[in-house]
Amino acid sequence: MQPVKILIADNIDTSGVKLLPPKKFEVKSEIGISNQDIIRSYRDYDVLLIRSVRSIDKSFIKNTSFKVIATGSKGTDHIDVEFAAENGIRILNADDSNNISAAEHTLALILAIEKRLLFSDKLVRGNRFGFYDYERNELYGKSIGIVGFGKVGSYVGKLCEAFGMKVYANDIDKKVIIKNKNFIFKSLNFLLKNCEFISIHIPLDKKNFHFFSKEKLRLLNKRSVLINTSRGDMIDEKYLIKMLEKNEIRFAGLDVFSGEPAVDKRLGALDNVVLSNHIAGKTEQSRRKVSENIFRQIRDFYS
């Protein structure tokens, strides 16, 4: 019996390979290989393992014969999932592997904003140690509205509770609401109009593109802080930038962007935003958990 051939095309931790029976699976790493080279040289492979930096469209799917496409990310918006399903391709994702990392990063952005850590760092480096005339705040008693209260959002809620924050949640899934009955669920409009912090934790799909539209963003007030560790296209980024430029909201913490890896240069010129390079779910611990999760799913698929 021929072994199942797996191509690792992106930089993914391989600690999970140990979960595969060696005689049943053959693993090949070609980190950073182009889609065209995959089509040209690996048409006979069974499994493709990628990250969210790679786009898998209809053209790619038509010209390959993979039975499984596995992504080392929670989101699958970089893959044409519907077309893959129509062609009998199984999509595997690393759900439940980076929840803690993403939630902690969300709190890191909030703390960096309220404690003005980036500005303070510049002061020390610029030999202005004695300058204290800038706003710094406690989280205690502040209100946060968490949009999407799944595995990441609900853990953000628990962390915020530990800081003594008032946590309000919003989710359309009744099972999520029942599971988290100790939290207060409110309408999205309530969150946007009343909470000092808004944190986004919903998946990106066609119906959620620019979910935070111009109309929704206008509901925020001048003291609002918007945090996004989900996907860049969840927000009408151009309108958000205009709001930040006009100080129509106080601050934003962004780990994801509409055109990444390219980022709108206007964001880099703003003082009321903290930026990170899509690393919320990427830590040493989560990399290992993602790897073990993905390779376990591949093993089980062929069991």
Protein backbone atom coordinates (compact mmCIF):
# COMPACT_ATOMS: atom_id res chain seq x y z
CA MET A 1 0.00 0.00 0.00
CA GLN A 2 1.35 3.40 -1.03
CA PRO A 3 1.99 5.88 1.83
CA VAL A 4 -0.11 9.03 2.13
CA LYS A 5 1.98 11.89 0.74
CA ILE A 6 1.94 15.16 2.70
CA LEU A 7 3.44 18.40 1.38
CA ILE A 8 4.27 21.10 3.95
CA ALA A 9 4.33 24.31 1.90
CA ASP A 10 4.55 26.92 4.67
CA ASN A 11 6.50 27.41 7.87
CA ILE A 12 4.66 25.20 10.34
CA ASP A 13 6.05 23.53 13.46
CA THR A 14 6.61 19.86 12.68
CA SER A 15 6.49 18.49 16.23
CA GLY A 16 3.13 16.90 15.38
CA VAL A 17 4.71 14.67 12.72
CA LYS A 18 5.56 12.23 15.52
CA LEU A 19 1.83 11.43 15.73
CA LEU A 20 1.87 9.91 12.22
CA PRO A 21 2.64 6.19 11.73
CA PRO A 22 5.89 6.43 9.71
CA LYS A 23 5.13 3.61 7.28
CA LYS A 24 1.70 5.00 6.44
CA PHE A 25 2.72 8.63 5.79
CA GLU A 26 5.44 10.33 3.80
CA VAL A 27 6.14 13.98 4.69
CA LYS A 28 7.92 16.45 2.41
CA SER A 29 8.78 20.06 3.38
CA GLU A 30 9.08 22.76 0.70
CA ILE A 31 8.73 25.90 2.80
CA GLY A 32 7.68 28.95 0.77
CA ILE A 33 7.13 27.08 -2.48
CA SER A 34 4.84 28.95 -4.90
CA ASN A 35 1.39 27.71 -5.84
CA GLN A 36 2.56 27.30 -9.43
CA ASP A 37 5.45 25.08 -8.34
CA ILE A 38 3.06 23.00 -6.24
CA ILE A 39 0.85 22.51 -9.29
CA ARG A 40 3.88 21.67 -11.42
CA SER A 41 5.72 19.28 -9.09
CA TYR A 42 3.31 17.87 -6.50
CA ARG A 43 0.16 16.92 -8.37
CA ASP A 44 0.33 13.36 -7.01
CA TYR A 45 0.40 14.39 -3.33
CA ASP A 46 -2.59 13.69 -1.09
CA VAL A 47 -2.35 16.36 1.62
CA LEU A 48 -1.32 20.01 1.44
CA LEU A 49 -0.37 21.76 4.68
CA ILE A 50 -0.35 25.58 4.59
CA ARG A 51 -0.75 28.71 6.70
CA SER A 52 -3.16 31.63 6.34
CA VAL A 53 -0.56 33.62 4.35
CA ARG A 54 -1.27 31.43 1.30
CA SER A 55 -4.36 31.86 -0.88
CA ILE A 56 -6.06 28.74 -2.25
CA ASP A 57 -8.50 29.67 -5.04
CA LYS A 58 -10.55 27.83 -7.65
CA SER A 59 -7.75 27.83 -10.20
CA PHE A 60 -5.35 26.15 -7.78
CA ILE A 61 -7.92 23.55 -6.74
CA LYS A 62 -8.78 22.74 -10.38
CA ASN A 63 -5.12 22.08 -11.17
CA THR A 64 -4.24 19.87 -8.20
CA SER A 65 -5.49 16.55 -6.85
CA PHE A 66 -5.17 16.99 -3.10
CA LYS A 67 -7.69 15.09 -1.03
CA VAL A 68 -6.99 17.19 2.07
CA ILE A 69 -5.93 20.82 2.51
CA ALA A 70 -4.92 21.53 6.11
CA THR A 71 -4.26 25.05 7.38
CA GLY A 72 -2.34 25.90 10.52
CA SER A 73 -4.84 28.63 11.38
CA LYS A 74 -8.25 28.90 12.94
CA GLY A 75 -9.64 30.90 10.03
CA THR A 76 -10.21 29.44 6.57
CA ASP A 77 -11.02 32.66 4.69
CA HIS A 78 -7.84 32.24 2.57
CA ILE A 79 -9.30 29.06 1.05
CA ASP A 80 -12.23 28.75 -1.33
CA VAL A 81 -13.92 26.32 1.04
CA GLU A 82 -17.13 25.96 -0.98
CA PHE A 83 -15.33 25.08 -4.20
CA ALA A 84 -13.07 22.66 -2.33
CA ALA A 85 -16.14 20.90 -0.89
CA GLU A 86 -17.69 20.68 -4.36
CA ASN A 87 -14.54 18.88 -5.48
CA GLY A 88 -14.52 16.46 -2.57
CA ILE A 89 -11.58 18.06 -0.77
CA ARG A 90 -11.57 17.96 3.02
CA ILE A 91 -10.48 21.21 4.73
CA LEU A 92 -8.83 20.84 8.14
CA ASN A 93 -8.08 23.83 10.36
CA ALA A 94 -6.35 24.34 13.69
CA ASP A 95 -9.38 25.26 15.72
CA ASP A 96 -8.92 25.31 19.51
CA SER A 97 -5.11 25.56 19.33
CA ASN A 98 -4.32 29.27 19.64
CA ASN A 99 -7.26 30.50 21.72
CA ILE A 100 -5.19 31.32 24.79
CA SER A 101 -2.48 33.07 22.77
CA ALA A 102 -5.00 35.18 20.84
CA ALA A 103 -6.88 36.13 24.00
CA GLU A 104 -3.70 37.08 25.84
CA HIS A 105 -2.59 39.21 22.90
CA THR A 106 -5.93 41.00 23.00
CA LEU A 107 -5.25 41.94 26.62
CA ALA A 108 -1.69 42.94 25.69
CA LEU A 109 -3.04 45.45 23.16
CA ILE A 110 -5.52 46.82 25.70
CA LEU A 111 -2.81 47.20 28.36
CA ALA A 112 -0.36 48.76 25.91
CA ILE A 113 -3.00 51.36 25.04
CA GLU A 114 -4.17 52.19 28.56
CA LYS A 115 -0.65 52.25 30.04
CA ARG A 116 0.77 54.04 26.94
CA LEU A 117 3.66 51.60 26.83
CA LEU A 118 4.90 52.52 23.35
CA PHE A 119 4.96 56.24 24.18
CA SER A 120 6.67 55.56 27.52
CA ASP A 121 9.29 53.44 25.75
CA LYS A 122 10.05 56.36 23.40
CA LEU A 123 10.43 58.71 26.36
CA VAL A 124 13.02 56.53 28.03
CA ARG A 125 14.94 55.98 24.80
CA GLY A 126 14.80 59.70 24.10
CA ASN A 127 16.25 60.64 27.49
CA ARG A 128 12.94 62.15 28.67
CA PHE A 129 12.56 59.94 31.74
CA GLY A 130 10.98 62.69 33.86
CA PHE A 131 8.11 63.48 31.48
CA TYR A 132 4.79 62.24 32.90
CA ASP A 133 2.27 64.60 31.36
CA TYR A 134 0.26 62.06 29.35
CA GLU A 135 -2.87 60.06 30.10
CA ARG A 136 -2.60 56.59 31.65
CA ASN A 137 -5.52 54.54 32.94
CA GLU A 138 -6.50 51.50 34.98
CA LEU A 139 -8.59 48.75 33.45
CA TYR A 140 -10.48 48.24 36.70
CA GLY A 141 -14.10 49.33 36.37
CA LYS A 142 -13.88 49.89 32.61
CA SER A 143 -16.46 48.25 30.33
CA ILE A 144 -15.61 45.99 27.41
CA GLY A 145 -17.96 44.69 24.73
CA ILE A 146 -16.80 41.39 23.24
CA VAL A 147 -18.26 40.72 19.80
CA GLY A 148 -18.16 36.97 19.24
CA PHE A 149 -18.05 34.99 22.48
CA GLY A 150 -16.65 31.70 21.26
CA LYS A 151 -13.44 30.08 22.46
CA VAL A 152 -11.26 33.19 22.09
CA GLY A 153 -13.87 35.79 23.00
CA SER A 154 -15.04 33.98 26.12
CA TYR A 155 -11.45 33.61 27.37
CA VAL A 156 -10.91 37.33 26.77
CA GLY A 157 -14.00 37.82 28.93
CA LYS A 158 -12.50 35.75 31.76
CA LEU A 159 -9.21 37.67 31.60
CA CYS A 160 -11.03 40.99 31.63
CA GLU A 161 -13.07 39.89 34.65
CA ALA A 162 -9.80 39.16 36.44
CA PHE A 163 -8.84 42.81 35.87
CA GLY A 164 -12.13 43.93 37.40
CA MET A 165 -13.64 45.07 34.11
CA LYS A 166 -17.36 45.06 33.32
CA VAL A 167 -17.79 42.46 30.58
CA TYR A 168 -20.63 42.55 28.06
CA ALA A 169 -20.90 39.91 25.34
CA ASN A 170 -22.61 39.58 21.99
CA ASP A 171 -23.09 36.39 19.99
CA ILE A 172 -25.73 35.04 17.60
CA ASP A 173 -25.23 31.40 18.65
CA LYS A 174 -27.75 30.39 21.32
CA LYS A 175 -25.50 27.52 22.44
CA VAL A 176 -22.72 30.01 23.19
CA ILE A 177 -25.11 32.15 25.22
CA ILE A 178 -26.34 29.14 27.23
CA LYS A 179 -22.77 27.92 27.82
CA ASN A 180 -21.70 31.33 29.15
CA LYS A 181 -24.73 32.11 31.30
CA ASN A 182 -22.56 33.85 33.92
CA PHE A 183 -21.84 36.66 31.45
CA ILE A 184 -24.16 39.49 30.43
CA PHE A 185 -25.23 39.33 26.78
CA LYS A 186 -26.41 42.52 25.09
CA SER A 187 -27.25 43.67 21.57
CA LEU A 188 -24.43 44.78 19.29
CA ASN A 189 -25.80 48.33 19.27
CA PHE A 190 -25.68 48.40 23.08
CA LEU A 191 -22.03 47.36 23.05
CA LEU A 192 -21.01 49.89 20.42
CA LYS A 193 -22.83 52.78 22.07
CA ASN A 194 -21.96 52.05 25.70
CA CYS A 195 -18.71 50.11 26.11
CA GLU A 196 -15.34 51.81 26.44
CA PHE A 197 -13.61 48.90 24.70
CA ILE A 198 -14.85 46.83 21.77
CA SER A 199 -12.99 43.61 20.96
CA ILE A 200 -13.71 41.60 17.80
CA HIS A 201 -13.68 37.79 17.82
CA ILE A 202 -15.89 36.59 14.97
CA PRO A 203 -14.77 34.61 11.90
CA LEU A 204 -14.43 36.22 8.50
CA ASP A 205 -16.66 34.90 5.74
CA LYS A 206 -18.61 36.45 2.87
CA LYS A 207 -21.44 37.69 5.07
CA ASN A 208 -19.03 39.17 7.64
CA PHE A 209 -16.88 41.13 5.18
CA HIS A 210 -16.77 44.69 6.58
CA PHE A 211 -19.08 43.56 9.37
CA PHE A 212 -17.92 46.67 11.17
CA SER A 213 -19.22 48.96 8.47
CA LYS A 214 -19.18 52.74 8.37
CA GLU A 215 -22.63 52.73 9.96
CA LYS A 216 -21.56 50.51 12.87
CA LEU A 217 -18.31 52.40 13.43
CA ARG A 218 -20.27 55.64 13.68
CA LEU A 219 -22.00 54.25 16.78
CA LEU A 220 -18.71 54.39 18.68
CA ASN A 221 -18.00 57.48 20.78
CA LYS A 222 -14.86 59.58 21.19
CA ARG A 223 -13.72 57.60 24.25
CA SER A 224 -14.03 54.24 22.49
CA VAL A 225 -11.11 51.86 21.95
CA LEU A 226 -11.44 49.27 19.17
CA ILE A 227 -9.41 46.05 19.31
CA ASN A 228 -9.16 43.62 16.39
CA THR A 229 -7.27 40.32 16.58
CA SER A 230 -9.70 38.53 14.24
CA ARG A 231 -9.27 39.43 10.55
CA GLY A 232 -8.54 42.79 8.92
CA ASP A 233 -11.48 42.68 6.53
CA MET A 234 -13.90 42.48 9.44
CA ILE A 235 -13.61 46.29 9.55
CA ASP A 236 -14.04 49.03 6.96
CA GLU A 237 -10.40 49.94 7.52
CA LYS A 238 -10.38 53.09 5.41
CA TYR A 239 -13.23 54.58 7.41
CA LEU A 240 -11.62 53.52 10.69
CA ILE A 241 -8.46 55.37 9.69
CA LYS A 242 -10.48 58.52 9.00
CA MET A 243 -12.07 58.23 12.44
CA LEU A 244 -8.67 57.84 14.09
CA GLU A 245 -7.26 60.79 12.15
CA LYS A 246 -10.15 62.98 13.31
CA ASN A 247 -10.02 61.60 16.88
CA GLU A 248 -13.61 60.40 16.53
CA ILE A 249 -12.56 57.38 18.59
CA ARG A 250 -9.79 57.43 21.20
CA PHE A 251 -7.60 54.52 20.17
CA ALA A 252 -7.35 51.26 18.23
CA GLY A 253 -5.28 48.12 18.74
CA LEU A 254 -4.87 46.18 15.50
CA ASP A 255 -3.15 42.86 14.92
CA VAL A 256 -4.76 42.28 11.50
CA PHE A 257 -5.17 44.41 8.40
CA SER A 258 -7.12 44.50 5.16
CA GLY A 259 -4.18 44.30 2.76
CA GLU A 260 -1.64 42.39 4.82
CA PRO A 261 1.22 41.83 4.57
CA ALA A 262 1.01 45.35 3.13
CA VAL A 263 -0.37 47.80 5.71
CA ASP A 264 -1.92 51.19 4.95
CA LYS A 265 0.87 53.73 5.58
CA ARG A 266 -1.58 56.12 7.22
CA LEU A 267 -1.83 53.76 10.20
CA GLY A 268 1.90 54.02 10.81
CA ALA A 269 1.64 57.80 11.01
CA LEU A 270 -0.99 57.75 13.77
CA ASP A 271 -0.23 58.10 17.48
CA ASN A 272 -3.58 56.69 18.60
CA VAL A 273 -3.10 53.14 17.37
CA VAL A 274 -1.01 50.16 18.50
CA LEU A 275 -0.07 47.78 15.69
CA SER A 276 1.25 44.21 15.66
CA ASN A 277 2.01 41.98 12.70
CA HIS A 278 -0.73 39.31 12.89
CA ILE A 279 0.91 37.48 15.79
CA ALA A 280 -2.00 37.25 18.24
CA GLY A 281 -2.34 33.49 17.88
CA LYS A 282 1.33 32.79 17.22
CA THR A 283 3.42 31.83 20.23
CA GLU A 284 5.87 28.98 20.82
CA GLN A 285 3.18 27.15 22.76
CA SER A 286 0.42 27.67 20.19
CA ARG A 287 2.72 26.65 17.32
CA ARG A 288 3.23 23.26 18.95
CA LYS A 289 -0.47 22.88 19.72
CA VAL A 290 -1.40 23.81 16.14
CA SER A 291 1.07 21.25 14.78
CA GLU A 292 -0.20 18.45 17.00
CA ASN A 293 -3.81 19.39 16.25
CA ILE A 294 -3.33 19.38 12.47
CA PHE A 295 -1.27 16.19 12.23
CA ARG A 296 -3.67 14.39 14.57
CA GLN A 297 -6.56 15.36 12.28
CA ILE A 298 -4.65 14.17 9.22
CA ARG A 299 -3.89 10.86 10.93
CA ASP A 300 -7.50 10.40 11.98
CA PHE A 301 -8.80 11.26 8.50
CA TYR A 302 -6.81 8.35 7.06
CA SER A 303 -7.56 5.92 9.90
